[in-house]
Amino acid sequence: MNSIRIKRAYLPATPKDGARILVERLWPRGITREKAAIDCWLKEIAPSAELRKWFGHDPDNWAEFRRRYREELKANSDAVNTLRQWIRKGPVTLVYAARDEEHNSAIVLSEFLGSPSSTGRTG
């Protein structure tokens, strides 16, 4: 499998990013589409609004969030297959908006796709 990286939307795009896939339901606040340099906005792969609100980026909820989000991903084969098609074409960076670089949905998504969350993370 090709390289999967994760990166905050607020960090500059670089050539190493490959295809930049925004994996959030909502557009990141305060960033223009040009600056974000997004190749694909895959809203459908993001955690459900209910799960996102429940998690609230609370590290105490992290383990349960990971479990619940994986369950959502297992039931969301269309979006997962779309992302896998991008990955087959070459390097991909999963772009996320959360401030917390250790507890966010892009980490879970990367793990779900078979890439260890600690590998290729670019903050």
PDB file of N, CA and C in Angstrom:
ATOM      1  N   MET A   1       0.854  -1.187   0.000  1.00  0.00           N
ATOM      2  CA  MET A   1       0.000   0.000   0.000  1.00  0.00           C
ATOM      3  C   MET A   1       0.896   1.245   0.000  1.00  0.00           C
ATOM      4  N   ASN A   2       0.454   2.242  -0.718  1.00  0.00           N
ATOM      5  CA  ASN A   2       1.200   3.488  -0.787  1.00  0.00           C
ATOM      6  C   ASN A   2       1.146   4.229   0.541  1.00  0.00           C
ATOM      7  N   SER A   3       1.949   5.237   0.614  1.00  0.00           N
ATOM      8  CA  SER A   3       2.086   6.039   1.819  1.00  0.00           C
ATOM      9  C   SER A   3       0.801   6.804   2.151  1.00  0.00           C
ATOM     10  N   ILE A   4       0.427   6.749   3.437  1.00  0.00           N
ATOM     11  CA  ILE A   4      -0.687   7.545   3.960  1.00  0.00           C
ATOM     12  C   ILE A   4      -0.105   8.430   5.046  1.00  0.00           C
ATOM     13  N   ARG A   5      -0.287   9.729   4.878  1.00  0.00           N
ATOM     14  CA  ARG A   5       0.171  10.686   5.876  1.00  0.00           C
ATOM     15  C   ARG A   5      -1.050  11.395   6.424  1.00  0.00           C
ATOM     16  N   ILE A   6      -0.884  12.020   7.570  1.00  0.00           N
ATOM     17  CA  ILE A   6      -1.953  12.863   8.094  1.00  0.00           C
ATOM     18  C   ILE A   6      -1.367  14.223   8.436  1.00  0.00           C
ATOM     19  N   LYS A   7      -2.209  15.263   8.283  1.00  0.00           N
ATOM     20  CA  LYS A   7      -1.700  16.617   8.454  1.00  0.00           C
ATOM     21  C   LYS A   7      -2.864  17.556   8.759  1.00  0.00           C
ATOM     22  N   ARG A   8      -2.609  18.511   9.630  1.00  0.00           N
ATOM     23  CA  ARG A   8      -3.623  19.534   9.924  1.00  0.00           C
ATOM     24  C   ARG A   8      -3.852  20.405   8.700  1.00  0.00           C
ATOM     25  N   ALA A   9      -5.079  20.818   8.515  1.00  0.00           N
ATOM     26  CA  ALA A   9      -5.446  21.660   7.373  1.00  0.00           C
ATOM     27  C   ALA A   9      -4.741  23.008   7.416  1.00  0.00           C
ATOM     28  N   TYR A  10      -4.323  23.424   8.597  1.00  0.00           N
ATOM     29  CA  TYR A  10      -3.740  24.755   8.771  1.00  0.00           C
ATOM     30  C   TYR A  10      -2.249  24.802   8.477  1.00  0.00           C
ATOM     31  N   LEU A  11      -1.645  23.665   8.211  1.00  0.00           N
ATOM     32  CA  LEU A  11      -0.234  23.614   7.833  1.00  0.00           C
ATOM     33  C   LEU A  11      -0.126  23.708   6.317  1.00  0.00           C
ATOM     34  N   PRO A  12       0.940  24.314   5.812  1.00  0.00           N
ATOM     35  CA  PRO A  12       1.064  24.494   4.360  1.00  0.00           C
ATOM     36  C   PRO A  12       1.151  23.164   3.613  1.00  0.00           C
ATOM     37  N   ALA A  13       0.572  23.150   2.433  1.00  0.00           N
ATOM     38  CA  ALA A  13       0.696  21.986   1.548  1.00  0.00           C
ATOM     39  C   ALA A  13       2.129  21.917   1.028  1.00  0.00           C
ATOM     40  N   THR A  14       2.622  20.697   0.838  1.00  0.00           N
ATOM     41  CA  THR A  14       3.948  20.490   0.265  1.00  0.00           C
ATOM     42  C   THR A  14       3.849  19.412  -0.814  1.00  0.00           C
ATOM     43  N   PRO A  15       4.820  19.352  -1.716  1.00  0.00           N
ATOM     44  CA  PRO A  15       4.794  18.308  -2.749  1.00  0.00           C
ATOM     45  C   PRO A  15       4.780  16.892  -2.158  1.00  0.00           C
ATOM     46  N   LYS A  16       5.382  16.694  -0.981  1.00  0.00           N
ATOM     47  CA  LYS A  16       5.404  15.376  -0.351  1.00  0.00           C
ATOM     48  C   LYS A  16       4.012  14.886   0.035  1.00  0.00           C
ATOM     49  N   ASP A  17       3.053  15.813   0.144  1.00  0.00           N
ATOM     50  CA  ASP A  17       1.702  15.434   0.572  1.00  0.00           C
ATOM     51  C   ASP A  17       1.016  14.500  -0.412  1.00  0.00           C
ATOM     52  N   GLY A  18       1.368  14.572  -1.680  1.00  0.00           N
ATOM     53  CA  GLY A  18       0.627  13.805  -2.680  1.00  0.00           C
ATOM     54  C   GLY A  18      -0.788  14.356  -2.762  1.00  0.00           C
ATOM     55  N   ALA A  19      -1.752  13.477  -2.944  1.00  0.00           N
ATOM     56  CA  ALA A  19      -3.154  13.902  -2.995  1.00  0.00           C
ATOM     57  C   ALA A  19      -3.608  14.278  -1.588  1.00  0.00           C
ATOM     58  N   ARG A  20      -4.174  15.472  -1.461  1.00  0.00           N
ATOM     59  CA  ARG A  20      -4.648  15.953  -0.157  1.00  0.00           C
ATOM     60  C   ARG A  20      -6.152  15.723  -0.067  1.00  0.00           C
ATOM     61  N   ILE A  21      -6.551  14.832   0.849  1.00  0.00           N
ATOM     62  CA  ILE A  21      -7.949  14.450   1.008  1.00  0.00           C
ATOM     63  C   ILE A  21      -8.460  15.009   2.333  1.00  0.00           C
ATOM     64  N   LEU A  22      -9.420  15.930   2.260  1.00  0.00           N
ATOM     65  CA  LEU A  22     -10.032  16.469   3.467  1.00  0.00           C
ATOM     66  C   LEU A  22     -11.024  15.446   3.992  1.00  0.00           C
ATOM     67  N   VAL A  23     -10.821  15.005   5.242  1.00  0.00           N
ATOM     68  CA  VAL A  23     -11.640  13.936   5.823  1.00  0.00           C
ATOM     69  C   VAL A  23     -12.486  14.479   6.982  1.00  0.00           C
ATOM     70  N   GLU A  24     -13.073  15.634   6.752  1.00  0.00           N
ATOM     71  CA  GLU A  24     -13.928  16.310   7.733  1.00  0.00           C
ATOM     72  C   GLU A  24     -15.287  16.589   7.105  1.00  0.00           C
ATOM     73  N   ARG A  25     -16.340  16.584   7.931  1.00  0.00           N
ATOM     74  CA  ARG A  25     -17.671  16.946   7.434  1.00  0.00           C
ATOM     75  C   ARG A  25     -17.803  18.439   7.201  1.00  0.00           C
ATOM     76  N   LEU A  26     -17.095  19.223   8.008  1.00  0.00           N
ATOM     77  CA  LEU A  26     -17.172  20.676   7.927  1.00  0.00           C
ATOM     78  C   LEU A  26     -15.859  21.226   7.396  1.00  0.00           C
ATOM     79  N   TRP A  27     -15.958  22.289   6.602  1.00  0.00           N
ATOM     80  CA  TRP A  27     -14.743  22.927   6.095  1.00  0.00           C
ATOM     81  C   TRP A  27     -13.997  23.572   7.265  1.00  0.00           C
ATOM     82  N   PRO A  28     -12.672  23.451   7.323  1.00  0.00           N
ATOM     83  CA  PRO A  28     -11.895  24.057   8.409  1.00  0.00           C
ATOM     84  C   PRO A  28     -12.097  25.571   8.470  1.00  0.00           C
ATOM     85  N   ARG A  29     -12.341  26.060   9.652  1.00  0.00           N
ATOM     86  CA  ARG A  29     -12.583  27.495   9.839  1.00  0.00           C
ATOM     87  C   ARG A  29     -11.359  28.324   9.478  1.00  0.00           C
ATOM     88  N   GLY A  30     -11.623  29.443   8.808  1.00  0.00           N
ATOM     89  CA  GLY A  30     -10.586  30.437   8.568  1.00  0.00           C
ATOM     90  C   GLY A  30      -9.555  30.088   7.524  1.00  0.00           C
ATOM     91  N   ILE A  31      -9.800  29.089   6.712  1.00  0.00           N
ATOM     92  CA  ILE A  31      -8.822  28.727   5.681  1.00  0.00           C
ATOM     93  C   ILE A  31      -9.523  28.743   4.319  1.00  0.00           C
ATOM     94  N   THR A  32      -8.861  29.339   3.361  1.00  0.00           N
ATOM     95  CA  THR A  32      -9.436  29.408   2.018  1.00  0.00           C
ATOM     96  C   THR A  32      -9.233  28.085   1.287  1.00  0.00           C
ATOM     97  N   ARG A  33     -10.046  27.875   0.287  1.00  0.00           N
ATOM     98  CA  ARG A  33      -9.898  26.658  -0.519  1.00  0.00           C
ATOM     99  C   ARG A  33      -8.545  26.633  -1.227  1.00  0.00           C
ATOM    100  N   GLU A  34      -8.078  27.783  -1.656  1.00  0.00           N
ATOM    101  CA  GLU A  34      -6.785  27.843  -2.338  1.00  0.00           C
ATOM    102  C   GLU A  34      -5.653  27.457  -1.388  1.00  0.00           C
ATOM    103  N   LYS A  35      -5.685  28.008  -0.185  1.00  0.00           N
ATOM    104  CA  LYS A  35      -4.628  27.732   0.786  1.00  0.00           C
ATOM    105  C   LYS A  35      -4.657  26.270   1.254  1.00  0.00           C
ATOM    106  N   ALA A  36      -5.848  25.707   1.357  1.00  0.00           N
ATOM    107  CA  ALA A  36      -5.983  24.317   1.808  1.00  0.00           C
ATOM    108  C   ALA A  36      -5.454  23.329   0.768  1.00  0.00           C
ATOM    109  N   ALA A  37      -5.500  23.691  -0.505  1.00  0.00           N
ATOM    110  CA  ALA A  37      -4.989  22.847  -1.594  1.00  0.00           C
ATOM    111  C   ALA A  37      -5.537  21.417  -1.526  1.00  0.00           C
ATOM    112  N   ILE A  38      -6.841  21.306  -1.379  1.00  0.00           N
ATOM    113  CA  ILE A  38      -7.496  20.005  -1.243  1.00  0.00           C
ATOM    114  C   ILE A  38      -7.797  19.424  -2.623  1.00  0.00           C
ATOM    115  N   ASP A  39      -7.436  18.161  -2.824  1.00  0.00           N
ATOM    116  CA  ASP A  39      -7.727  17.478  -4.088  1.00  0.00           C
ATOM    117  C   ASP A  39      -9.105  16.818  -4.061  1.00  0.00           C
ATOM    118  N   CYS A  40      -9.539  16.407  -2.878  1.00  0.00           N
ATOM    119  CA  CYS A  40     -10.831  15.742  -2.735  1.00  0.00           C
ATOM    120  C   CYS A  40     -11.348  16.001  -1.325  1.00  0.00           C
ATOM    121  N   TRP A  41     -12.601  16.436  -1.225  1.00  0.00           N
ATOM    122  CA  TRP A  41     -13.229  16.608   0.083  1.00  0.00           C
ATOM    123  C   TRP A  41     -14.167  15.435   0.260  1.00  0.00           C
ATOM    124  N   LEU A  42     -13.769  14.468   1.060  1.00  0.00           N
ATOM    125  CA  LEU A  42     -14.512  13.231   1.253  1.00  0.00           C
ATOM    126  C   LEU A  42     -15.299  13.317   2.568  1.00  0.00           C
ATOM    127  N   LYS A  43     -16.340  14.149   2.567  1.00  0.00           N
ATOM    128  CA  LYS A  43     -17.160  14.378   3.762  1.00  0.00           C
ATOM    129  C   LYS A  43     -17.739  13.080   4.312  1.00  0.00           C
ATOM    130  N   GLU A  44     -18.103  12.184   3.408  1.00  0.00           N
ATOM    131  CA  GLU A  44     -18.814  10.960   3.789  1.00  0.00           C
ATOM    132  C   GLU A  44     -17.988  10.028   4.667  1.00  0.00           C
ATOM    133  N   ILE A  45     -16.676  10.203   4.687  1.00  0.00           N
ATOM    134  CA  ILE A  45     -15.826   9.293   5.466  1.00  0.00           C
ATOM    135  C   ILE A  45     -15.603   9.802   6.888  1.00  0.00           C
ATOM    136  N   ALA A  46     -15.987  11.024   7.146  1.00  0.00           N
ATOM    137  CA  ALA A  46     -15.811  11.613   8.475  1.00  0.00           C
ATOM    138  C   ALA A  46     -16.749  10.939   9.487  1.00  0.00           C
ATOM    139  N   PRO A  47     -16.417  11.036  10.765  1.00  0.00           N
ATOM    140  CA  PRO A  47     -17.335  10.505  11.781  1.00  0.00           C
ATOM    141  C   PRO A  47     -18.693  11.192  11.673  1.00  0.00           C
ATOM    142  N   SER A  48     -19.737  10.473  12.038  1.00  0.00           N
ATOM    143  CA  SER A  48     -21.080  11.058  12.023  1.00  0.00           C
ATOM    144  C   SER A  48     -21.115  12.276  12.943  1.00  0.00           C
ATOM    145  N   ALA A  49     -22.050  13.163  12.681  1.00  0.00           N
ATOM    146  CA  ALA A  49     -22.201  14.360  13.525  1.00  0.00           C
ATOM    147  C   ALA A  49     -22.441  13.954  14.978  1.00  0.00           C
ATOM    148  N   GLU A  50     -23.228  12.914  15.172  1.00  0.00           N
ATOM    149  CA  GLU A  50     -23.526  12.451  16.530  1.00  0.00           C
ATOM    150  C   GLU A  50     -22.261  11.973  17.247  1.00  0.00           C
ATOM    151  N   LEU A  51     -21.441  11.188  16.539  1.00  0.00           N
ATOM    152  CA  LEU A  51     -20.215  10.673  17.150  1.00  0.00           C
ATOM    153  C   LEU A  51     -19.226  11.810  17.412  1.00  0.00           C
ATOM    154  N   ARG A  52     -19.108  12.713  16.461  1.00  0.00           N
ATOM    155  CA  ARG A  52     -18.195  13.846  16.629  1.00  0.00           C
ATOM    156  C   ARG A  52     -18.578  14.681  17.846  1.00  0.00           C
ATOM    157  N   LYS A  53     -19.867  14.960  17.988  1.00  0.00           N
ATOM    158  CA  LYS A  53     -20.334  15.749  19.134  1.00  0.00           C
ATOM    159  C   LYS A  53     -20.123  14.991  20.442  1.00  0.00           C
ATOM    160  N   TRP A  54     -20.399  13.677  20.429  1.00  0.00           N
ATOM    161  CA  TRP A  54     -20.208  12.885  21.643  1.00  0.00           C
ATOM    162  C   TRP A  54     -18.732  12.908  22.060  1.00  0.00           C
ATOM    163  N   PHE A  55     -17.837  12.726  21.104  1.00  0.00           N
ATOM    164  CA  PHE A  55     -16.403  12.692  21.396  1.00  0.00           C
ATOM    165  C   PHE A  55     -15.937  14.026  21.968  1.00  0.00           C
ATOM    166  N   GLY A  56     -16.308  15.115  21.328  1.00  0.00           N
ATOM    167  CA  GLY A  56     -15.936  16.438  21.820  1.00  0.00           C
ATOM    168  C   GLY A  56     -14.444  16.639  21.979  1.00  0.00           C
ATOM    169  N   HIS A  57     -13.641  15.854  21.297  1.00  0.00           N
ATOM    170  CA  HIS A  57     -12.169  15.906  21.390  1.00  0.00           C
ATOM    171  C   HIS A  57     -11.683  15.765  22.832  1.00  0.00           C
ATOM    172  N   ASP A  58     -12.424  14.994  23.615  1.00  0.00           N
ATOM    173  CA  ASP A  58     -12.055  14.719  25.005  1.00  0.00           C
ATOM    174  C   ASP A  58     -11.185  13.461  25.034  1.00  0.00           C
ATOM    175  N   PRO A  59      -9.910  13.587  25.416  1.00  0.00           N
ATOM    176  CA  PRO A  59      -9.027  12.409  25.440  1.00  0.00           C
ATOM    177  C   PRO A  59      -9.572  11.255  26.284  1.00  0.00           C
ATOM    178  N   ASP A  60     -10.401  11.552  27.274  1.00  0.00           N
ATOM    179  CA  ASP A  60     -10.995  10.481  28.078  1.00  0.00           C
ATOM    180  C   ASP A  60     -11.950   9.611  27.261  1.00  0.00           C
ATOM    181  N   ASN A  61     -12.475  10.143  26.166  1.00  0.00           N
ATOM    182  CA  ASN A  61     -13.397   9.404  25.303  1.00  0.00           C
ATOM    183  C   ASN A  61     -12.689   8.732  24.126  1.00  0.00           C
ATOM    184  N   TRP A  62     -11.372   8.860  24.039  1.00  0.00           N
ATOM    185  CA  TRP A  62     -10.605   8.433  22.873  1.00  0.00           C
ATOM    186  C   TRP A  62     -10.797   6.955  22.537  1.00  0.00           C
ATOM    187  N   ALA A  63     -10.624   6.079  23.484  1.00  0.00           N
ATOM    188  CA  ALA A  63     -10.709   4.639  23.187  1.00  0.00           C
ATOM    189  C   ALA A  63     -12.096   4.278  22.651  1.00  0.00           C
ATOM    190  N   GLU A  64     -13.119   4.802  23.264  1.00  0.00           N
ATOM    191  CA  GLU A  64     -14.481   4.501  22.809  1.00  0.00           C
ATOM    192  C   GLU A  64     -14.759   5.171  21.456  1.00  0.00           C
ATOM    193  N   PHE A  65     -14.249   6.374  21.260  1.00  0.00           N
ATOM    194  CA  PHE A  65     -14.405   7.039  19.965  1.00  0.00           C
ATOM    195  C   PHE A  65     -13.783   6.190  18.856  1.00  0.00           C
ATOM    196  N   ARG A  66     -12.582   5.706  19.099  1.00  0.00           N
ATOM    197  CA  ARG A  66     -11.906   4.879  18.098  1.00  0.00           C
ATOM    198  C   ARG A  66     -12.743   3.661  17.756  1.00  0.00           C
ATOM    199  N   ARG A  67     -13.283   2.993  18.760  1.00  0.00           N
ATOM    200  CA  ARG A  67     -14.112   1.803  18.528  1.00  0.00           C
ATOM    201  C   ARG A  67     -15.352   2.159  17.713  1.00  0.00           C
ATOM    202  N   ARG A  68     -16.047   3.209  18.113  1.00  0.00           N
ATOM    203  CA  ARG A  68     -17.286   3.595  17.429  1.00  0.00           C
ATOM    204  C   ARG A  68     -17.020   4.065  15.995  1.00  0.00           C
ATOM    205  N   TYR A  69     -15.948   4.825  15.806  1.00  0.00           N
ATOM    206  CA  TYR A  69     -15.649   5.316  14.460  1.00  0.00           C
ATOM    207  C   TYR A  69     -15.275   4.158  13.538  1.00  0.00           C
ATOM    208  N   ARG A  70     -14.526   3.184  14.027  1.00  0.00           N
ATOM    209  CA  ARG A  70     -14.202   2.006  13.210  1.00  0.00           C
ATOM    210  C   ARG A  70     -15.473   1.283  12.780  1.00  0.00           C
ATOM    211  N   GLU A  71     -16.439   1.198  13.691  1.00  0.00           N
ATOM    212  CA  GLU A  71     -17.722   0.574  13.345  1.00  0.00           C
ATOM    213  C   GLU A  71     -18.413   1.357  12.230  1.00  0.00           C
ATOM    214  N   GLU A  72     -18.380   2.679  12.323  1.00  0.00           N
ATOM    215  CA  GLU A  72     -18.961   3.488  11.253  1.00  0.00           C
ATOM    216  C   GLU A  72     -18.235   3.248   9.930  1.00  0.00           C
ATOM    217  N   LEU A  73     -16.920   3.167   9.979  1.00  0.00           N
ATOM    218  CA  LEU A  73     -16.146   2.943   8.758  1.00  0.00           C
ATOM    219  C   LEU A  73     -16.467   1.579   8.140  1.00  0.00           C
ATOM    220  N   LYS A  74     -16.635   0.560   8.960  1.00  0.00           N
ATOM    221  CA  LYS A  74     -16.981  -0.775   8.443  1.00  0.00           C
ATOM    222  C   LYS A  74     -18.314  -0.750   7.698  1.00  0.00           C
ATOM    223  N   ALA A  75     -19.220   0.110   8.124  1.00  0.00           N
ATOM    224  CA  ALA A  75     -20.543   0.212   7.501  1.00  0.00           C
ATOM    225  C   ALA A  75     -20.562   1.226   6.353  1.00  0.00           C
ATOM    226  N   ASN A  76     -19.416   1.818   6.040  1.00  0.00           N
ATOM    227  CA  ASN A  76     -19.350   2.903   5.060  1.00  0.00           C
ATOM    228  C   ASN A  76     -18.418   2.512   3.913  1.00  0.00           C
ATOM    229  N   SER A  77     -18.707   1.379   3.291  1.00  0.00           N
ATOM    230  CA  SER A  77     -17.777   0.836   2.297  1.00  0.00           C
ATOM    231  C   SER A  77     -17.613   1.742   1.081  1.00  0.00           C
ATOM    232  N   ASP A  78     -18.647   2.478   0.676  1.00  0.00           N
ATOM    233  CA  ASP A  78     -18.510   3.345  -0.499  1.00  0.00           C
ATOM    234  C   ASP A  78     -17.424   4.391  -0.285  1.00  0.00           C
ATOM    235  N   ALA A  79     -17.487   5.096   0.834  1.00  0.00           N
ATOM    236  CA  ALA A  79     -16.496   6.139   1.114  1.00  0.00           C
ATOM    237  C   ALA A  79     -15.105   5.528   1.316  1.00  0.00           C
ATOM    238  N   VAL A  80     -15.034   4.421   2.018  1.00  0.00           N
ATOM    239  CA  VAL A  80     -13.742   3.760   2.244  1.00  0.00           C
ATOM    240  C   VAL A  80     -13.142   3.317   0.909  1.00  0.00           C
ATOM    241  N   ASN A  81     -13.961   2.760   0.026  1.00  0.00           N
ATOM    242  CA  ASN A  81     -13.457   2.328  -1.285  1.00  0.00           C
ATOM    243  C   ASN A  81     -13.000   3.509  -2.124  1.00  0.00           C
ATOM    244  N   THR A  82     -13.700   4.637  -2.038  1.00  0.00           N
ATOM    245  CA  THR A  82     -13.267   5.844  -2.757  1.00  0.00           C
ATOM    246  C   THR A  82     -11.889   6.268  -2.278  1.00  0.00           C
ATOM    247  N   LEU A  83     -11.692   6.265  -0.968  1.00  0.00           N
ATOM    248  CA  LEU A  83     -10.389   6.643  -0.428  1.00  0.00           C
ATOM    249  C   LEU A  83      -9.319   5.641  -0.841  1.00  0.00           C
ATOM    250  N   ARG A  84      -9.633   4.364  -0.819  1.00  0.00           N
ATOM    251  CA  ARG A  84      -8.660   3.349  -1.243  1.00  0.00           C
ATOM    252  C   ARG A  84      -8.243   3.539  -2.707  1.00  0.00           C
ATOM    253  N   GLN A  85      -9.167   4.005  -3.547  1.00  0.00           N
ATOM    254  CA  GLN A  85      -8.820   4.281  -4.944  1.00  0.00           C
ATOM    255  C   GLN A  85      -7.782   5.401  -5.026  1.00  0.00           C
ATOM    256  N   TRP A  86      -7.943   6.444  -4.238  1.00  0.00           N
ATOM    257  CA  TRP A  86      -6.950   7.526  -4.193  1.00  0.00           C
ATOM    258  C   TRP A  86      -5.600   6.989  -3.733  1.00  0.00           C
ATOM    259  N   ILE A  87      -5.619   6.140  -2.715  1.00  0.00           N
ATOM    260  CA  ILE A  87      -4.379   5.597  -2.151  1.00  0.00           C
ATOM    261  C   ILE A  87      -3.644   4.741  -3.177  1.00  0.00           C
ATOM    262  N   ARG A  88      -4.382   3.985  -3.973  1.00  0.00           N
ATOM    263  CA  ARG A  88      -3.751   3.144  -5.002  1.00  0.00           C
ATOM    264  C   ARG A  88      -3.017   3.979  -6.052  1.00  0.00           C
ATOM    265  N   LYS A  89      -3.445   5.218  -6.265  1.00  0.00           N
ATOM    266  CA  LYS A  89      -2.827   6.091  -7.277  1.00  0.00           C
ATOM    267  C   LYS A  89      -1.493   6.661  -6.817  1.00  0.00           C
ATOM    268  N   GLY A  90      -1.270   6.719  -5.510  1.00  0.00           N
ATOM    269  CA  GLY A  90      -0.012   7.285  -5.028  1.00  0.00           C
ATOM    270  C   GLY A  90      -0.157   7.817  -3.617  1.00  0.00           C
ATOM    271  N   PRO A  91       0.838   8.540  -3.152  1.00  0.00           N
ATOM    272  CA  PRO A  91       0.805   9.045  -1.781  1.00  0.00           C
ATOM    273  C   PRO A  91      -0.441   9.901  -1.523  1.00  0.00           C
ATOM    274  N   VAL A  92      -0.962   9.770  -0.315  1.00  0.00           N
ATOM    275  CA  VAL A  92      -2.155  10.504   0.107  1.00  0.00           C
ATOM    276  C   VAL A  92      -1.896  11.114   1.479  1.00  0.00           C
ATOM    277  N   THR A  93      -2.365  12.336   1.662  1.00  0.00           N
ATOM    278  CA  THR A  93      -2.366  12.958   2.983  1.00  0.00           C
ATOM    279  C   THR A  93      -3.809  13.174   3.399  1.00  0.00           C
ATOM    280  N   LEU A  94      -4.159  12.591   4.551  1.00  0.00           N
ATOM    281  CA  LEU A  94      -5.477  12.798   5.129  1.00  0.00           C
ATOM    282  C   LEU A  94      -5.429  14.109   5.889  1.00  0.00           C
ATOM    283  N   VAL A  95      -6.221  15.064   5.462  1.00  0.00           N
ATOM    284  CA  VAL A  95      -6.196  16.404   6.034  1.00  0.00           C
ATOM    285  C   VAL A  95      -7.346  16.536   7.028  1.00  0.00           C
ATOM    286  N   TYR A  96      -7.009  17.002   8.237  1.00  0.00           N
ATOM    287  CA  TYR A  96      -7.996  17.146   9.303  1.00  0.00           C
ATOM    288  C   TYR A  96      -7.893  18.543   9.904  1.00  0.00           C
ATOM    289  N   ALA A  97      -8.909  18.940  10.650  1.00  0.00           N
ATOM    290  CA  ALA A  97      -8.948  20.298  11.198  1.00  0.00           C
ATOM    291  C   ALA A  97      -8.724  20.362  12.704  1.00  0.00           C
ATOM    292  N   ALA A  98      -8.831  19.266  13.403  1.00  0.00           N
ATOM    293  CA  ALA A  98      -8.742  19.275  14.868  1.00  0.00           C
ATOM    294  C   ALA A  98      -7.423  19.855  15.364  1.00  0.00           C
ATOM    295  N   ARG A  99      -7.478  20.510  16.500  1.00  0.00           N
ATOM    296  CA  ARG A  99      -6.251  21.038  17.125  1.00  0.00           C
ATOM    297  C   ARG A  99      -5.402  19.918  17.724  1.00  0.00           C
ATOM    298  N   ASP A 100      -6.075  18.911  18.251  1.00  0.00           N
ATOM    299  CA  ASP A 100      -5.402  17.816  18.938  1.00  0.00           C
ATOM    300  C   ASP A 100      -4.768  16.874  17.919  1.00  0.00           C
ATOM    301  N   GLU A 101      -3.451  16.848  17.897  1.00  0.00           N
ATOM    302  CA  GLU A 101      -2.729  16.031  16.926  1.00  0.00           C
ATOM    303  C   GLU A 101      -2.613  14.570  17.351  1.00  0.00           C
ATOM    304  N   GLU A 102      -3.009  14.253  18.575  1.00  0.00           N
ATOM    305  CA  GLU A 102      -2.909  12.884  19.091  1.00  0.00           C
ATOM    306  C   GLU A 102      -4.245  12.170  19.149  1.00  0.00           C
ATOM    307  N   HIS A 103      -5.345  12.934  19.109  1.00  0.00           N
ATOM    308  CA  HIS A 103      -6.693  12.359  19.266  1.00  0.00           C
ATOM    309  C   HIS A 103      -7.612  12.971  18.211  1.00  0.00           C
ATOM    310  N   ASN A 104      -7.577  12.435  17.003  1.00  0.00           N
ATOM    311  CA  ASN A 104      -8.450  12.946  15.946  1.00  0.00           C
ATOM    312  C   ASN A 104      -8.833  11.820  14.994  1.00  0.00           C
ATOM    313  N   SER A 105      -9.869  12.064  14.232  1.00  0.00           N
ATOM    314  CA  SER A 105     -10.421  11.021  13.364  1.00  0.00           C
ATOM    315  C   SER A 105      -9.454  10.584  12.265  1.00  0.00           C
ATOM    316  N   ALA A 106      -8.572  11.453  11.812  1.00  0.00           N
ATOM    317  CA  ALA A 106      -7.625  11.069  10.765  1.00  0.00           C
ATOM    318  C   ALA A 106      -6.691   9.957  11.239  1.00  0.00           C
ATOM    319  N   ILE A 107      -6.339   9.967  12.516  1.00  0.00           N
ATOM    320  CA  ILE A 107      -5.500   8.896  13.066  1.00  0.00           C
ATOM    321  C   ILE A 107      -6.233   7.570  12.987  1.00  0.00           C
ATOM    322  N   VAL A 108      -7.490   7.568  13.411  1.00  0.00           N
ATOM    323  CA  VAL A 108      -8.290   6.337  13.384  1.00  0.00           C
ATOM    324  C   VAL A 108      -8.457   5.859  11.945  1.00  0.00           C
ATOM    325  N   LEU A 109      -8.730   6.768  11.046  1.00  0.00           N
ATOM    326  CA  LEU A 109      -8.910   6.420   9.641  1.00  0.00           C
ATOM    327  C   LEU A 109      -7.625   5.825   9.061  1.00  0.00           C
ATOM    328  N   SER A 110      -6.496   6.419   9.367  1.00  0.00           N
ATOM    329  CA  SER A 110      -5.212   5.901   8.908  1.00  0.00           C
ATOM    330  C   SER A 110      -4.979   4.489   9.428  1.00  0.00           C
ATOM    331  N   GLU A 111      -5.261   4.269  10.705  1.00  0.00           N
ATOM    332  CA  GLU A 111      -5.118   2.933  11.294  1.00  0.00           C
ATOM    333  C   GLU A 111      -6.063   1.943  10.612  1.00  0.00           C
ATOM    334  N   PHE A 112      -7.297   2.376  10.379  1.00  0.00           N
ATOM    335  CA  PHE A 112      -8.301   1.520   9.749  1.00  0.00           C
ATOM    336  C   PHE A 112      -7.836   1.074   8.361  1.00  0.00           C
ATOM    337  N   LEU A 113      -7.154   1.949   7.663  1.00  0.00           N
ATOM    338  CA  LEU A 113      -6.668   1.657   6.317  1.00  0.00           C
ATOM    339  C   LEU A 113      -5.372   0.851   6.321  1.00  0.00           C
ATOM    340  N   GLY A 114      -4.862   0.555   7.512  1.00  0.00           N
ATOM    341  CA  GLY A 114      -3.693  -0.287   7.614  1.00  0.00           C
ATOM    342  C   GLY A 114      -2.377   0.420   7.741  1.00  0.00           C
ATOM    343  N   SER A 115      -2.422   1.722   7.983  1.00  0.00           N
ATOM    344  CA  SER A 115      -1.199   2.486   8.159  1.00  0.00           C
ATOM    345  C   SER A 115      -1.068   2.864   9.622  1.00  0.00           C
ATOM    346  N   PRO A 116       0.017   2.473  10.297  1.00  0.00           N
ATOM    347  CA  PRO A 116       0.163   2.854  11.711  1.00  0.00           C
ATOM    348  C   PRO A 116       0.087   4.365  11.876  1.00  0.00           C
ATOM    349  N   SER A 117      -0.628   4.817  12.882  1.00  0.00           N
ATOM    350  CA  SER A 117      -0.845   6.258  13.055  1.00  0.00           C
ATOM    351  C   SER A 117       0.453   6.996  13.303  1.00  0.00           C
ATOM    352  N   SER A 118       1.463   6.337  13.808  1.00  0.00           N
ATOM    353  CA  SER A 118       2.714   7.035  14.095  1.00  0.00           C
ATOM    354  C   SER A 118       3.598   7.167  12.852  1.00  0.00           C
ATOM    355  N   THR A 119       3.236   6.485  11.768  1.00  0.00           N
ATOM    356  CA  THR A 119       4.046   6.517  10.552  1.00  0.00           C
ATOM    357  C   THR A 119       3.507   7.577   9.609  1.00  0.00           C
ATOM    358  N   GLY A 120       4.379   8.446   9.186  1.00  0.00           N
ATOM    359  CA  GLY A 120       3.996   9.409   8.165  1.00  0.00           C
ATOM    360  C   GLY A 120       3.203  10.591   8.691  1.00  0.00           C
ATOM    361  N   ARG A 121       3.002  10.679  10.000  1.00  0.00           N
ATOM    362  CA  ARG A 121       2.245  11.810  10.517  1.00  0.00           C
ATOM    363  C   ARG A 121       3.073  13.066  10.368  1.00  0.00           C
ATOM    364  N   THR A 122       2.476  14.096   9.818  1.00  0.00           N
ATOM    365  CA  THR A 122       3.214  15.322   9.576  1.00  0.00           C
ATOM    366  C   THR A 122       2.614  16.466  10.365  1.00  0.00           C
ATOM    367  N   GLY A 123       1.832  16.145  11.365  1.00  0.00           N
ATOM    368  CA  GLY A 123       1.282  17.161  12.261  1.00  0.00           C
ATOM    369  C   GLY A 123       0.294  17.963  11.599  1.00  0.00           C
TER     370      GLY A 123
END
